[in-house]
Amino acid sequence: MPYALVVDLARHAILTAVLLAAPMLATALVVGLVVSVIQALTQVQEQTLTFVPKLLAVAIVFLLALPWMLQVIVRYAAELFRGIPGLVS
């Protein structure tokens, strides 16, 4: 198996993983920043206050993005399985 093929397969897998994780990570980042600003304005410095809003927001985004995420995963798996005969020869 040529090194270029292995690098291409790894690159495609990493890009797919980043693409799938990006909406939830961005949501957690935005919610964390908003809660941090609110905490700074009210001078309430409780670390556990950021956990629940982040958890709820990420869960909501996950449920909303789930059909799209499944399409991306199925497309990636189909391309990978379709390319297996070319990998063997």
PDB file of N, CA and C in Angstrom:
ATOM      1  N   MET A   1       0.862  -1.171   0.000  1.00  0.00           N
ATOM      2  CA  MET A   1       0.000   0.000   0.000  1.00  0.00           C
ATOM      3  C   MET A   1       0.907   1.232   0.000  1.00  0.00           C
ATOM      4  N   PRO A   2       0.735   2.100  -0.972  1.00  0.00           N
ATOM      5  CA  PRO A   2       1.602   3.285  -1.052  1.00  0.00           C
ATOM      6  C   PRO A   2       1.355   4.251   0.116  1.00  0.00           C
ATOM      7  N   TYR A   3       2.430   4.948   0.482  1.00  0.00           N
ATOM      8  CA  TYR A   3       2.333   5.887   1.594  1.00  0.00           C
ATOM      9  C   TYR A   3       1.355   7.029   1.300  1.00  0.00           C
ATOM     10  N   ALA A   4       1.289   7.447   0.061  1.00  0.00           N
ATOM     11  CA  ALA A   4       0.378   8.533  -0.303  1.00  0.00           C
ATOM     12  C   ALA A   4      -1.070   8.133  -0.050  1.00  0.00           C
ATOM     13  N   LEU A   5      -1.388   6.887  -0.314  1.00  0.00           N
ATOM     14  CA  LEU A   5      -2.754   6.409  -0.087  1.00  0.00           C
ATOM     15  C   LEU A   5      -3.081   6.388   1.403  1.00  0.00           C
ATOM     16  N   VAL A   6      -2.129   5.925   2.215  1.00  0.00           N
ATOM     17  CA  VAL A   6      -2.338   5.888   3.664  1.00  0.00           C
ATOM     18  C   VAL A   6      -2.514   7.302   4.207  1.00  0.00           C
ATOM     19  N   VAL A   7      -1.684   8.228   3.741  1.00  0.00           N
ATOM     20  CA  VAL A   7      -1.783   9.623   4.184  1.00  0.00           C
ATOM     21  C   VAL A   7      -3.117  10.218   3.759  1.00  0.00           C
ATOM     22  N   ASP A   8      -3.561   9.903   2.551  1.00  0.00           N
ATOM     23  CA  ASP A   8      -4.839  10.427   2.073  1.00  0.00           C
ATOM     24  C   ASP A   8      -6.007   9.867   2.879  1.00  0.00           C
ATOM     25  N   LEU A   9      -5.962   8.566   3.192  1.00  0.00           N
ATOM     26  CA  LEU A   9      -7.025   7.966   4.011  1.00  0.00           C
ATOM     27  C   LEU A   9      -7.047   8.579   5.409  1.00  0.00           C
ATOM     28  N   ALA A  10      -5.878   8.769   6.009  1.00  0.00           N
ATOM     29  CA  ALA A  10      -5.812   9.369   7.349  1.00  0.00           C
ATOM     30  C   ALA A  10      -6.285  10.819   7.319  1.00  0.00           C
ATOM     31  N   ARG A  11      -5.875  11.559   6.294  1.00  0.00           N
ATOM     32  CA  ARG A  11      -6.299  12.958   6.177  1.00  0.00           C
ATOM     33  C   ARG A  11      -7.815  13.057   6.041  1.00  0.00           C
ATOM     34  N   HIS A  12      -8.383  12.203   5.228  1.00  0.00           N
ATOM     35  CA  HIS A  12      -9.837  12.234   5.023  1.00  0.00           C
ATOM     36  C   HIS A  12     -10.580  11.848   6.314  1.00  0.00           C
ATOM     37  N   ALA A  13     -10.050  10.875   7.051  1.00  0.00           N
ATOM     38  CA  ALA A  13     -10.679  10.463   8.310  1.00  0.00           C
ATOM     39  C   ALA A  13     -10.615  11.593   9.338  1.00  0.00           C
ATOM     40  N   ILE A  14      -9.472  12.264   9.432  1.00  0.00           N
ATOM     41  CA  ILE A  14      -9.334  13.361  10.394  1.00  0.00           C
ATOM     42  C   ILE A  14     -10.228  14.535  10.015  1.00  0.00           C
ATOM     43  N   LEU A  15     -10.292  14.866   8.741  1.00  0.00           N
ATOM     44  CA  LEU A  15     -11.161  15.964   8.315  1.00  0.00           C
ATOM     45  C   LEU A  15     -12.637  15.646   8.576  1.00  0.00           C
ATOM     46  N   THR A  16     -13.023  14.400   8.375  1.00  0.00           N
ATOM     47  CA  THR A  16     -14.402  14.006   8.654  1.00  0.00           C
ATOM     48  C   THR A  16     -14.693  14.114  10.146  1.00  0.00           C
ATOM     49  N   ALA A  17     -13.756  13.690  10.978  1.00  0.00           N
ATOM     50  CA  ALA A  17     -13.951  13.777  12.429  1.00  0.00           C
ATOM     51  C   ALA A  17     -14.045  15.224  12.889  1.00  0.00           C
ATOM     52  N   VAL A  18     -13.214  16.080  12.337  1.00  0.00           N
ATOM     53  CA  VAL A  18     -13.268  17.508  12.687  1.00  0.00           C
ATOM     54  C   VAL A  18     -14.581  18.120  12.221  1.00  0.00           C
ATOM     55  N   LEU A  19     -15.013  17.754  11.033  1.00  0.00           N
ATOM     56  CA  LEU A  19     -16.278  18.267  10.504  1.00  0.00           C
ATOM     57  C   LEU A  19     -17.453  17.844  11.380  1.00  0.00           C
ATOM     58  N   LEU A  20     -17.414  16.624  11.899  1.00  0.00           N
ATOM     59  CA  LEU A  20     -18.503  16.142  12.746  1.00  0.00           C
ATOM     60  C   LEU A  20     -18.479  16.777  14.137  1.00  0.00           C
ATOM     61  N   ALA A  21     -17.299  17.067  14.640  1.00  0.00           N
ATOM     62  CA  ALA A  21     -17.181  17.613  15.993  1.00  0.00           C
ATOM     63  C   ALA A  21     -17.351  19.128  16.034  1.00  0.00           C
ATOM     64  N   ALA A  22     -17.137  19.805  14.921  1.00  0.00           N
ATOM     65  CA  ALA A  22     -17.122  21.268  14.902  1.00  0.00           C
ATOM     66  C   ALA A  22     -18.403  21.925  15.429  1.00  0.00           C
ATOM     67  N   PRO A  23     -19.604  21.504  15.036  1.00  0.00           N
ATOM     68  CA  PRO A  23     -20.798  22.193  15.543  1.00  0.00           C
ATOM     69  C   PRO A  23     -20.937  22.132  17.058  1.00  0.00           C
ATOM     70  N   MET A  24     -20.640  20.976  17.639  1.00  0.00           N
ATOM     71  CA  MET A  24     -20.783  20.847  19.091  1.00  0.00           C
ATOM     72  C   MET A  24     -19.681  21.600  19.834  1.00  0.00           C
ATOM     73  N   LEU A  25     -18.464  21.571  19.292  1.00  0.00           N
ATOM     74  CA  LEU A  25     -17.378  22.312  19.931  1.00  0.00           C
ATOM     75  C   LEU A  25     -17.606  23.816  19.857  1.00  0.00           C
ATOM     76  N   ALA A  26     -18.080  24.291  18.708  1.00  0.00           N
ATOM     77  CA  ALA A  26     -18.358  25.721  18.568  1.00  0.00           C
ATOM     78  C   ALA A  26     -19.482  26.149  19.507  1.00  0.00           C
ATOM     79  N   THR A  27     -20.487  25.312  19.650  1.00  0.00           N
ATOM     80  CA  THR A  27     -21.585  25.617  20.572  1.00  0.00           C
ATOM     81  C   THR A  27     -21.085  25.698  22.010  1.00  0.00           C
ATOM     82  N   ALA A  28     -20.269  24.745  22.409  1.00  0.00           N
ATOM     83  CA  ALA A  28     -19.722  24.764  23.772  1.00  0.00           C
ATOM     84  C   ALA A  28     -18.863  26.003  23.995  1.00  0.00           C
ATOM     85  N   LEU A  29     -18.109  26.404  22.981  1.00  0.00           N
ATOM     86  CA  LEU A  29     -17.279  27.600  23.096  1.00  0.00           C
ATOM     87  C   LEU A  29     -18.123  28.860  23.263  1.00  0.00           C
ATOM     88  N   VAL A  30     -19.151  29.001  22.438  1.00  0.00           N
ATOM     89  CA  VAL A  30     -19.997  30.202  22.504  1.00  0.00           C
ATOM     90  C   VAL A  30     -20.756  30.254  23.822  1.00  0.00           C
ATOM     91  N   VAL A  31     -21.343  29.142  24.233  1.00  0.00           N
ATOM     92  CA  VAL A  31     -22.099  29.120  25.498  1.00  0.00           C
ATOM     93  C   VAL A  31     -21.160  29.390  26.665  1.00  0.00           C
ATOM     94  N   GLY A  32     -19.965  28.821  26.637  1.00  0.00           N
ATOM     95  CA  GLY A  32     -18.996  29.073  27.695  1.00  0.00           C
ATOM     96  C   GLY A  32     -18.600  30.533  27.784  1.00  0.00           C
ATOM     97  N   LEU A  33     -18.405  31.175  26.626  1.00  0.00           N
ATOM     98  CA  LEU A  33     -18.059  32.600  26.634  1.00  0.00           C
ATOM     99  C   LEU A  33     -19.201  33.461  27.161  1.00  0.00           C
ATOM    100  N   VAL A  34     -20.426  33.144  26.747  1.00  0.00           N
ATOM    101  CA  VAL A  34     -21.576  33.914  27.214  1.00  0.00           C
ATOM    102  C   VAL A  34     -21.749  33.773  28.724  1.00  0.00           C
ATOM    103  N   VAL A  35     -21.649  32.559  29.217  1.00  0.00           N
ATOM    104  CA  VAL A  35     -21.791  32.341  30.658  1.00  0.00           C
ATOM    105  C   VAL A  35     -20.651  33.011  31.411  1.00  0.00           C
ATOM    106  N   SER A  36     -19.454  32.987  30.868  1.00  0.00           N
ATOM    107  CA  SER A  36     -18.314  33.643  31.523  1.00  0.00           C
ATOM    108  C   SER A  36     -18.506  35.157  31.600  1.00  0.00           C
ATOM    109  N   VAL A  37     -19.035  35.749  30.537  1.00  0.00           N
ATOM    110  CA  VAL A  37     -19.304  37.193  30.555  1.00  0.00           C
ATOM    111  C   VAL A  37     -20.375  37.509  31.585  1.00  0.00           C
ATOM    112  N   ILE A  38     -21.414  36.699  31.649  1.00  0.00           N
ATOM    113  CA  ILE A  38     -22.468  36.917  32.649  1.00  0.00           C
ATOM    114  C   ILE A  38     -21.905  36.774  34.057  1.00  0.00           C
ATOM    115  N   GLN A  39     -21.036  35.782  34.262  1.00  0.00           N
ATOM    116  CA  GLN A  39     -20.421  35.610  35.573  1.00  0.00           C
ATOM    117  C   GLN A  39     -19.527  36.797  35.923  1.00  0.00           C
ATOM    118  N   ALA A  40     -18.818  37.316  34.941  1.00  0.00           N
ATOM    119  CA  ALA A  40     -17.952  38.462  35.206  1.00  0.00           C
ATOM    120  C   ALA A  40     -18.775  39.704  35.534  1.00  0.00           C
ATOM    121  N   LEU A  41     -19.915  39.877  34.858  1.00  0.00           N
ATOM    122  CA  LEU A  41     -20.764  41.036  35.121  1.00  0.00           C
ATOM    123  C   LEU A  41     -21.431  40.962  36.486  1.00  0.00           C
ATOM    124  N   THR A  42     -21.829  39.770  36.878  1.00  0.00           N
ATOM    125  CA  THR A  42     -22.526  39.621  38.162  1.00  0.00           C
ATOM    126  C   THR A  42     -21.580  39.291  39.305  1.00  0.00           C
ATOM    127  N   GLN A  43     -20.315  39.063  39.007  1.00  0.00           N
ATOM    128  CA  GLN A  43     -19.280  38.714  39.975  1.00  0.00           C
ATOM    129  C   GLN A  43     -19.604  37.431  40.736  1.00  0.00           C
ATOM    130  N   VAL A  44     -20.288  36.531  40.063  1.00  0.00           N
ATOM    131  CA  VAL A  44     -20.548  35.204  40.617  1.00  0.00           C
ATOM    132  C   VAL A  44     -19.539  34.271  39.958  1.00  0.00           C
ATOM    133  N   GLN A  45     -18.583  33.781  40.711  1.00  0.00           N
ATOM    134  CA  GLN A  45     -17.511  32.961  40.148  1.00  0.00           C
ATOM    135  C   GLN A  45     -17.665  31.492  40.546  1.00  0.00           C
ATOM    136  N   GLU A  46     -18.762  30.916  40.189  1.00  0.00           N
ATOM    137  CA  GLU A  46     -19.014  29.504  40.478  1.00  0.00           C
ATOM    138  C   GLU A  46     -18.710  28.691  39.216  1.00  0.00           C
ATOM    139  N   GLN A  47     -17.787  27.752  39.317  1.00  0.00           N
ATOM    140  CA  GLN A  47     -17.346  26.994  38.144  1.00  0.00           C
ATOM    141  C   GLN A  47     -18.404  26.026  37.628  1.00  0.00           C
ATOM    142  N   THR A  48     -19.279  25.571  38.496  1.00  0.00           N
ATOM    143  CA  THR A  48     -20.279  24.594  38.066  1.00  0.00           C
ATOM    144  C   THR A  48     -21.414  25.227  37.267  1.00  0.00           C
ATOM    145  N   LEU A  49     -21.524  26.545  37.268  1.00  0.00           N
ATOM    146  CA  LEU A  49     -22.606  27.199  36.529  1.00  0.00           C
ATOM    147  C   LEU A  49     -22.426  27.075  35.015  1.00  0.00           C
ATOM    148  N   THR A  50     -21.216  26.870  34.553  1.00  0.00           N
ATOM    149  CA  THR A  50     -21.009  26.764  33.102  1.00  0.00           C
ATOM    150  C   THR A  50     -21.313  25.366  32.577  1.00  0.00           C
ATOM    151  N   PHE A  51     -21.314  24.378  33.443  1.00  0.00           N
ATOM    152  CA  PHE A  51     -21.453  22.992  32.988  1.00  0.00           C
ATOM    153  C   PHE A  51     -22.846  22.690  32.438  1.00  0.00           C
ATOM    154  N   VAL A  52     -23.871  23.036  33.167  1.00  0.00           N
ATOM    155  CA  VAL A  52     -25.237  22.675  32.765  1.00  0.00           C
ATOM    156  C   VAL A  52     -25.663  23.378  31.470  1.00  0.00           C
ATOM    157  N   PRO A  53     -25.446  24.691  31.318  1.00  0.00           N
ATOM    158  CA  PRO A  53     -25.822  25.305  30.033  1.00  0.00           C
ATOM    159  C   PRO A  53     -25.052  24.727  28.844  1.00  0.00           C
ATOM    160  N   LYS A  54     -23.755  24.436  29.038  1.00  0.00           N
ATOM    161  CA  LYS A  54     -22.984  23.824  27.960  1.00  0.00           C
ATOM    162  C   LYS A  54     -23.527  22.447  27.622  1.00  0.00           C
ATOM    163  N   LEU A  55     -23.837  21.674  28.637  1.00  0.00           N
ATOM    164  CA  LEU A  55     -24.357  20.328  28.421  1.00  0.00           C
ATOM    165  C   LEU A  55     -25.678  20.366  27.657  1.00  0.00           C
ATOM    166  N   LEU A  56     -26.572  21.237  28.059  1.00  0.00           N
ATOM    167  CA  LEU A  56     -27.863  21.346  27.374  1.00  0.00           C
ATOM    168  C   LEU A  56     -27.705  21.841  25.934  1.00  0.00           C
ATOM    169  N   ALA A  57     -26.862  22.855  25.732  1.00  0.00           N
ATOM    170  CA  ALA A  57     -26.674  23.399  24.391  1.00  0.00           C
ATOM    171  C   ALA A  57     -26.039  22.376  23.458  1.00  0.00           C
ATOM    172  N   VAL A  58     -25.032  21.669  23.940  1.00  0.00           N
ATOM    173  CA  VAL A  58     -24.378  20.661  23.100  1.00  0.00           C
ATOM    174  C   VAL A  58     -25.345  19.515  22.803  1.00  0.00           C
ATOM    175  N   ALA A  59     -26.165  19.123  23.759  1.00  0.00           N
ATOM    176  CA  ALA A  59     -27.150  18.061  23.521  1.00  0.00           C
ATOM    177  C   ALA A  59     -28.175  18.492  22.473  1.00  0.00           C
ATOM    178  N   ILE A  60     -28.625  19.730  22.548  1.00  0.00           N
ATOM    179  CA  ILE A  60     -29.593  20.232  21.562  1.00  0.00           C
ATOM    180  C   ILE A  60     -28.976  20.288  20.174  1.00  0.00           C
ATOM    181  N   VAL A  61     -27.750  20.794  20.075  1.00  0.00           N
ATOM    182  CA  VAL A  61     -27.077  20.860  18.774  1.00  0.00           C
ATOM    183  C   VAL A  61     -26.828  19.455  18.235  1.00  0.00           C
ATOM    184  N   PHE A  62     -26.462  18.529  19.115  1.00  0.00           N
ATOM    185  CA  PHE A  62     -26.254  17.150  18.684  1.00  0.00           C
ATOM    186  C   PHE A  62     -27.535  16.566  18.099  1.00  0.00           C
ATOM    187  N   LEU A  63     -28.655  16.765  18.775  1.00  0.00           N
ATOM    188  CA  LEU A  63     -29.924  16.225  18.276  1.00  0.00           C
ATOM    189  C   LEU A  63     -30.350  16.882  16.969  1.00  0.00           C
ATOM    190  N   LEU A  64     -30.100  18.185  16.838  1.00  0.00           N
ATOM    191  CA  LEU A  64     -30.464  18.868  15.603  1.00  0.00           C
ATOM    192  C   LEU A  64     -29.547  18.494  14.438  1.00  0.00           C
ATOM    193  N   ALA A  65     -28.273  18.255  14.730  1.00  0.00           N
ATOM    194  CA  ALA A  65     -27.305  17.957  13.674  1.00  0.00           C
ATOM    195  C   ALA A  65     -27.178  16.468  13.394  1.00  0.00           C
ATOM    196  N   LEU A  66     -27.852  15.630  14.149  1.00  0.00           N
ATOM    197  CA  LEU A  66     -27.701  14.190  14.005  1.00  0.00           C
ATOM    198  C   LEU A  66     -28.015  13.675  12.597  1.00  0.00           C
ATOM    199  N   PRO A  67     -29.082  14.096  11.933  1.00  0.00           N
ATOM    200  CA  PRO A  67     -29.314  13.593  10.571  1.00  0.00           C
ATOM    201  C   PRO A  67     -28.173  13.953   9.611  1.00  0.00           C
ATOM    202  N   TRP A  68     -27.691  15.179   9.703  1.00  0.00           N
ATOM    203  CA  TRP A  68     -26.570  15.598   8.858  1.00  0.00           C
ATOM    204  C   TRP A  68     -25.306  14.800   9.188  1.00  0.00           C
ATOM    205  N   MET A  69     -25.055  14.596  10.478  1.00  0.00           N
ATOM    206  CA  MET A  69     -23.872  13.845  10.894  1.00  0.00           C
ATOM    207  C   MET A  69     -23.939  12.402  10.388  1.00  0.00           C
ATOM    208  N   LEU A  70     -25.105  11.803  10.441  1.00  0.00           N
ATOM    209  CA  LEU A  70     -25.254  10.437   9.930  1.00  0.00           C
ATOM    210  C   LEU A  70     -25.025  10.376   8.430  1.00  0.00           C
ATOM    211  N   GLN A  71     -25.482  11.388   7.701  1.00  0.00           N
ATOM    212  CA  GLN A  71     -25.236  11.436   6.264  1.00  0.00           C
ATOM    213  C   GLN A  71     -23.741  11.514   5.966  1.00  0.00           C
ATOM    214  N   VAL A  72     -23.019  12.330   6.727  1.00  0.00           N
ATOM    215  CA  VAL A  72     -21.577  12.470   6.521  1.00  0.00           C
ATOM    216  C   VAL A  72     -20.877  11.154   6.815  1.00  0.00           C
ATOM    217  N   ILE A  73     -21.248  10.499   7.912  1.00  0.00           N
ATOM    218  CA  ILE A  73     -20.613   9.227   8.279  1.00  0.00           C
ATOM    219  C   ILE A  73     -20.919   8.147   7.245  1.00  0.00           C
ATOM    220  N   VAL A  74     -22.153   8.073   6.795  1.00  0.00           N
ATOM    221  CA  VAL A  74     -22.523   7.058   5.803  1.00  0.00           C
ATOM    222  C   VAL A  74     -21.800   7.318   4.488  1.00  0.00           C
ATOM    223  N   ARG A  75     -21.700   8.571   4.078  1.00  0.00           N
ATOM    224  CA  ARG A  75     -20.986   8.912   2.844  1.00  0.00           C
ATOM    225  C   ARG A  75     -19.508   8.526   2.950  1.00  0.00           C
ATOM    226  N   TYR A  76     -18.895   8.822   4.105  1.00  0.00           N
ATOM    227  CA  TYR A  76     -17.490   8.474   4.313  1.00  0.00           C
ATOM    228  C   TYR A  76     -17.299   6.963   4.285  1.00  0.00           C
ATOM    229  N   ALA A  77     -18.161   6.231   4.966  1.00  0.00           N
ATOM    230  CA  ALA A  77     -18.039   4.772   4.996  1.00  0.00           C
ATOM    231  C   ALA A  77     -18.263   4.177   3.607  1.00  0.00           C
ATOM    232  N   ALA A  78     -19.219   4.714   2.862  1.00  0.00           N
ATOM    233  CA  ALA A  78     -19.480   4.203   1.518  1.00  0.00           C
ATOM    234  C   ALA A  78     -18.272   4.435   0.607  1.00  0.00           C
ATOM    235  N   GLU A  79     -17.671   5.617   0.692  1.00  0.00           N
ATOM    236  CA  GLU A  79     -16.475   5.891  -0.110  1.00  0.00           C
ATOM    237  C   GLU A  79     -15.326   4.977   0.292  1.00  0.00           C
ATOM    238  N   LEU A  80     -15.188   4.732   1.583  1.00  0.00           N
ATOM    239  CA  LEU A  80     -14.123   3.866   2.072  1.00  0.00           C
ATOM    240  C   LEU A  80     -14.332   2.437   1.595  1.00  0.00           C
ATOM    241  N   PHE A  81     -15.550   1.917   1.714  1.00  0.00           N
ATOM    242  CA  PHE A  81     -15.827   0.551   1.283  1.00  0.00           C
ATOM    243  C   PHE A  81     -15.750   0.411  -0.235  1.00  0.00           C
ATOM    244  N   ARG A  82     -16.150   1.470  -0.938  1.00  0.00           N
ATOM    245  CA  ARG A  82     -16.074   1.435  -2.397  1.00  0.00           C
ATOM    246  C   ARG A  82     -14.627   1.397  -2.864  1.00  0.00           C
ATOM    247  N   GLY A  83     -13.727   1.964  -2.088  1.00  0.00           N
ATOM    248  CA  GLY A  83     -12.316   1.992  -2.487  1.00  0.00           C
ATOM    249  C   GLY A  83     -11.526   0.777  -2.064  1.00  0.00           C
ATOM    250  N   ILE A  84     -12.115  -0.157  -1.322  1.00  0.00           N
ATOM    251  CA  ILE A  84     -11.381  -1.331  -0.849  1.00  0.00           C
ATOM    252  C   ILE A  84     -10.854  -2.196  -1.996  1.00  0.00           C
ATOM    253  N   PRO A  85     -11.628  -2.458  -3.037  1.00  0.00           N
ATOM    254  CA  PRO A  85     -11.053  -3.269  -4.124  1.00  0.00           C
ATOM    255  C   PRO A  85      -9.805  -2.634  -4.757  1.00  0.00           C
ATOM    256  N   GLY A  86      -9.766  -1.334  -4.819  1.00  0.00           N
ATOM    257  CA  GLY A  86      -8.584  -0.661  -5.356  1.00  0.00           C
ATOM    258  C   GLY A  86      -7.396  -0.733  -4.411  1.00  0.00           C
ATOM    259  N   LEU A  87      -7.656  -0.887  -3.127  1.00  0.00           N
ATOM    260  CA  LEU A  87      -6.574  -1.002  -2.158  1.00  0.00           C
ATOM    261  C   LEU A  87      -5.904  -2.367  -2.204  1.00  0.00           C
ATOM    262  N   VAL A  88      -6.675  -3.396  -2.510  1.00  0.00           N
ATOM    263  CA  VAL A  88      -6.172  -4.757  -2.490  1.00  0.00           C
ATOM    264  C   VAL A  88      -5.243  -5.006  -3.665  1.00  0.00           C
ATOM    265  N   SER A  89      -5.609  -4.519  -4.822  1.00  0.00           N
ATOM    266  CA  SER A  89      -4.820  -4.816  -6.019  1.00  0.00           C
ATOM    267  C   SER A  89      -3.570  -3.977  -6.127  1.00  0.00           C
TER     268      SER A  89
END
